[in-house]
C-alpha atoms as a PDB file:
ATOM      1  CA  MET A   1     162.356 -51.832  31.381  1.00  0.00           C
ATOM      2  CA  TYR A   2     164.164 -50.986  28.258  1.00  0.00           C
ATOM      3  CA  GLU A   3     167.408 -50.509  29.260  1.00  0.00           C
ATOM      4  CA  GLN A   4     167.899 -54.217  29.767  1.00  0.00           C
ATOM      5  CA  ALA A   5     165.689 -55.723  27.107  1.00  0.00           C
ATOM      6  CA  PHE A   6     166.902 -54.128  23.726  1.00  0.00           C
ATOM      7  CA  PRO A   7     170.572 -53.392  22.359  1.00  0.00           C
ATOM      8  CA  ARG A   8     171.067 -49.891  23.521  1.00  0.00           C
ATOM      9  CA  PHE A   9     172.666 -46.945  21.204  1.00  0.00           C
ATOM     10  CA  ALA A  10     173.602 -44.072  23.174  1.00  0.00           C
ATOM     11  CA  VAL A  11     173.579 -40.462  21.132  1.00  0.00           C
ATOM     12  CA  VAL A  12     175.934 -37.713  22.633  1.00  0.00           C
ATOM     13  CA  GLY A  13     175.898 -34.142  21.153  1.00  0.00           C
ATOM     14  CA  GLU A  14     174.225 -32.652  18.301  1.00  0.00           C
ATOM     15  CA  ILE A  15     172.566 -34.145  15.076  1.00  0.00           C
ATOM     16  CA  ASP A  16     172.417 -31.642  12.424  1.00  0.00           C
ATOM     17  CA  MET A  17     173.416 -31.155   8.749  1.00  0.00           C
ATOM     18  CA  ALA A  18     177.005 -31.486   9.588  1.00  0.00           C
ATOM     19  CA  THR A  19     176.751 -34.619  11.695  1.00  0.00           C
ATOM     20  CA  ALA A  20     173.491 -36.489  10.375  1.00  0.00           C
ATOM     21  CA  GLU A  21     175.219 -38.683   7.755  1.00  0.00           C
ATOM     22  CA  ARG A  22     177.938 -40.035  10.195  1.00  0.00           C
ATOM     23  CA  PHE A  23     175.085 -40.365  12.742  1.00  0.00           C
ATOM     24  CA  ARG A  24     173.253 -42.514  10.022  1.00  0.00           C
ATOM     25  CA  GLU A  25     176.197 -44.750   9.229  1.00  0.00           C
ATOM     26  CA  ARG A  26     176.798 -45.358  12.944  1.00  0.00           C
ATOM     27  CA  LEU A  27     173.026 -45.847  14.203  1.00  0.00           C
ATOM     28  CA  GLU A  28     172.498 -48.475  10.592  1.00  0.00           C
ATOM     29  CA  HIS A  29     175.375 -50.451  11.465  1.00  0.00           C
ATOM     30  CA  HIS A  30     174.266 -50.741  15.128  1.00  0.00           C
ATOM     31  CA  VAL A  31     170.901 -52.030  14.078  1.00  0.00           C
ATOM     32  CA  ALA A  32     172.144 -54.218  11.331  1.00  0.00           C
ATOM     33  CA  SER A  33     174.522 -55.857  13.988  1.00  0.00           C
ATOM     34  CA  SER A  34     171.976 -56.300  16.731  1.00  0.00           C
ATOM     35  CA  ASP A  35     168.842 -58.632  16.898  1.00  0.00           C
ATOM     36  CA  GLY A  36     165.500 -57.223  18.221  1.00  0.00           C
ATOM     37  CA  ASP A  37     164.156 -53.932  19.012  1.00  0.00           C
ATOM     38  CA  VAL A  38     166.964 -50.870  19.398  1.00  0.00           C
ATOM     39  CA  LEU A  39     166.665 -48.575  22.637  1.00  0.00           C
ATOM     40  CA  LEU A  40     168.088 -45.019  21.239  1.00  0.00           C
ATOM     41  CA  ASP A  41     169.062 -43.463  24.603  1.00  0.00           C
ATOM     42  CA  CYS A  42     169.114 -39.540  24.056  1.00  0.00           C
ATOM     43  CA  HIS A  43     170.171 -38.593  27.577  1.00  0.00           C
ATOM     44  CA  GLU A  44     173.270 -36.713  26.184  1.00  0.00           C
ATOM     45  CA  LEU A  45     171.594 -35.510  22.971  1.00  0.00           C
ATOM     46  CA  THR A  46     171.619 -31.668  23.122  1.00  0.00           C
ATOM     47  CA  PHE A  47     170.049 -30.717  19.536  1.00  0.00           C
ATOM     48  CA  ILE A  48     168.812 -32.269  16.891  1.00  0.00           C
ATOM     49  CA  ASP A  49     167.439 -30.723  13.654  1.00  0.00           C
ATOM     50  CA  SER A  50     165.326 -31.983  10.866  1.00  0.00           C
ATOM     51  CA  CYS A  51     168.284 -33.622   9.130  1.00  0.00           C
ATOM     52  CA  GLY A  52     168.909 -35.787  12.292  1.00  0.00           C
ATOM     53  CA  ILE A  53     164.914 -36.724  12.771  1.00  0.00           C
ATOM     54  CA  LYS A  54     164.516 -37.998   8.757  1.00  0.00           C
ATOM     55  CA  VAL A  55     167.647 -40.118   9.540  1.00  0.00           C
ATOM     56  CA  LEU A  56     165.404 -41.375  12.830  1.00  0.00           C
ATOM     57  CA  ILE A  57     162.455 -41.722  10.495  1.00  0.00           C
ATOM     58  CA  ASP A  58     164.427 -43.803   7.935  1.00  0.00           C
ATOM     59  CA  VAL A  59     166.092 -46.058  10.488  1.00  0.00           C
ATOM     60  CA  ALA A  60     162.706 -46.599  11.978  1.00  0.00           C
ATOM     61  CA  VAL A  61     161.173 -47.559   8.833  1.00  0.00           C
ATOM     62  CA  ALA A  62     163.418 -49.801   7.903  1.00  0.00           C
ATOM     63  CA  ALA A  63     163.552 -51.370  11.374  1.00  0.00           C
ATOM     64  CA  SER A  64     159.935 -51.655  11.182  1.00  0.00           C
ATOM     65  CA  SER A  65     160.354 -53.663   7.635  1.00  0.00           C
ATOM     66  CA  GLN A  66     162.200 -56.001   9.682  1.00  0.00           C
ATOM     67  CA  GLY A  67     159.547 -56.575  12.334  1.00  0.00           C
ATOM     68  CA  ARG A  68     161.632 -54.446  14.941  1.00  0.00           C
ATOM     69  CA  ARG A  69     161.278 -51.107  16.365  1.00  0.00           C
ATOM     70  CA  LEU A  70     163.446 -48.005  17.438  1.00  0.00           C
ATOM     71  CA  VAL A  71     162.459 -46.882  20.966  1.00  0.00           C
ATOM     72  CA  THR A  72     163.813 -43.520  21.790  1.00  0.00           C
ATOM     73  CA  THR A  73     164.178 -42.651  25.203  1.00  0.00           C
ATOM     74  CA  ASN A  74     165.490 -40.156  28.081  1.00  0.00           C
ATOM     75  CA  LEU A  75     164.747 -37.241  25.273  1.00  0.00           C
ATOM     76  CA  GLN A  76     166.042 -33.599  27.026  1.00  0.00           C
ATOM     77  CA  PRO A  77     163.253 -31.167  26.933  1.00  0.00           C
ATOM     78  CA  GLN A  78     164.632 -28.966  24.098  1.00  0.00           C
ATOM     79  CA  CYS A  79     164.797 -32.171  21.798  1.00  0.00           C
ATOM     80  CA  ARG A  80     161.414 -33.673  22.610  1.00  0.00           C
ATOM     81  CA  ARG A  81     160.089 -30.122  21.654  1.00  0.00           C
ATOM     82  CA  THR A  82     161.302 -30.976  18.422  1.00  0.00           C
ATOM     83  CA  PHE A  83     160.349 -34.494  18.315  1.00  0.00           C
ATOM     84  CA  GLU A  84     156.746 -32.990  19.461  1.00  0.00           C
ATOM     85  CA  LEU A  85     156.679 -30.183  16.741  1.00  0.00           C
ATOM     86  CA  THR A  86     157.075 -32.574  13.730  1.00  0.00           C
ATOM     87  CA  GLY A  87     154.875 -35.078  15.071  1.00  0.00           C
ATOM     88  CA  VAL A  88     157.244 -38.296  15.005  1.00  0.00           C
ATOM     89  CA  GLU A  89     156.935 -39.243  18.814  1.00  0.00           C
ATOM     90  CA  GLY A  90     154.811 -42.559  17.927  1.00  0.00           C
ATOM     91  CA  LEU A  91     156.963 -43.457  14.792  1.00  0.00           C
ATOM     92  CA  LEU A  92     160.253 -42.999  16.635  1.00  0.00           C
ATOM     93  CA  GLY A  93     158.683 -45.041  19.962  1.00  0.00           C
ATOM     94  CA  VAL A  94     159.323 -42.119  22.206  1.00  0.00           C
ATOM     95  CA  THR A  95     158.956 -42.917  25.859  1.00  0.00           C
END
């Protein structure tokens, strides 16, 4: 359902302190250059730490202020656990 309705942004590899700012730049550019809600496809995301979670929260809040949503899908179990432990599933539209 979401795959065809929203602009898709695929996340590959790890998002940690070393990669978070580059990820932020690319995701913010994607959001700015698209309309409507954004689908964050995490099928190939293998790791995310608090720096990556912070980027997602910041982008989700910015999108929300424009009446848009960040919809996070296809989380692998190890990454889903990080989202659950930090309590951000609702804010980040985890499906």
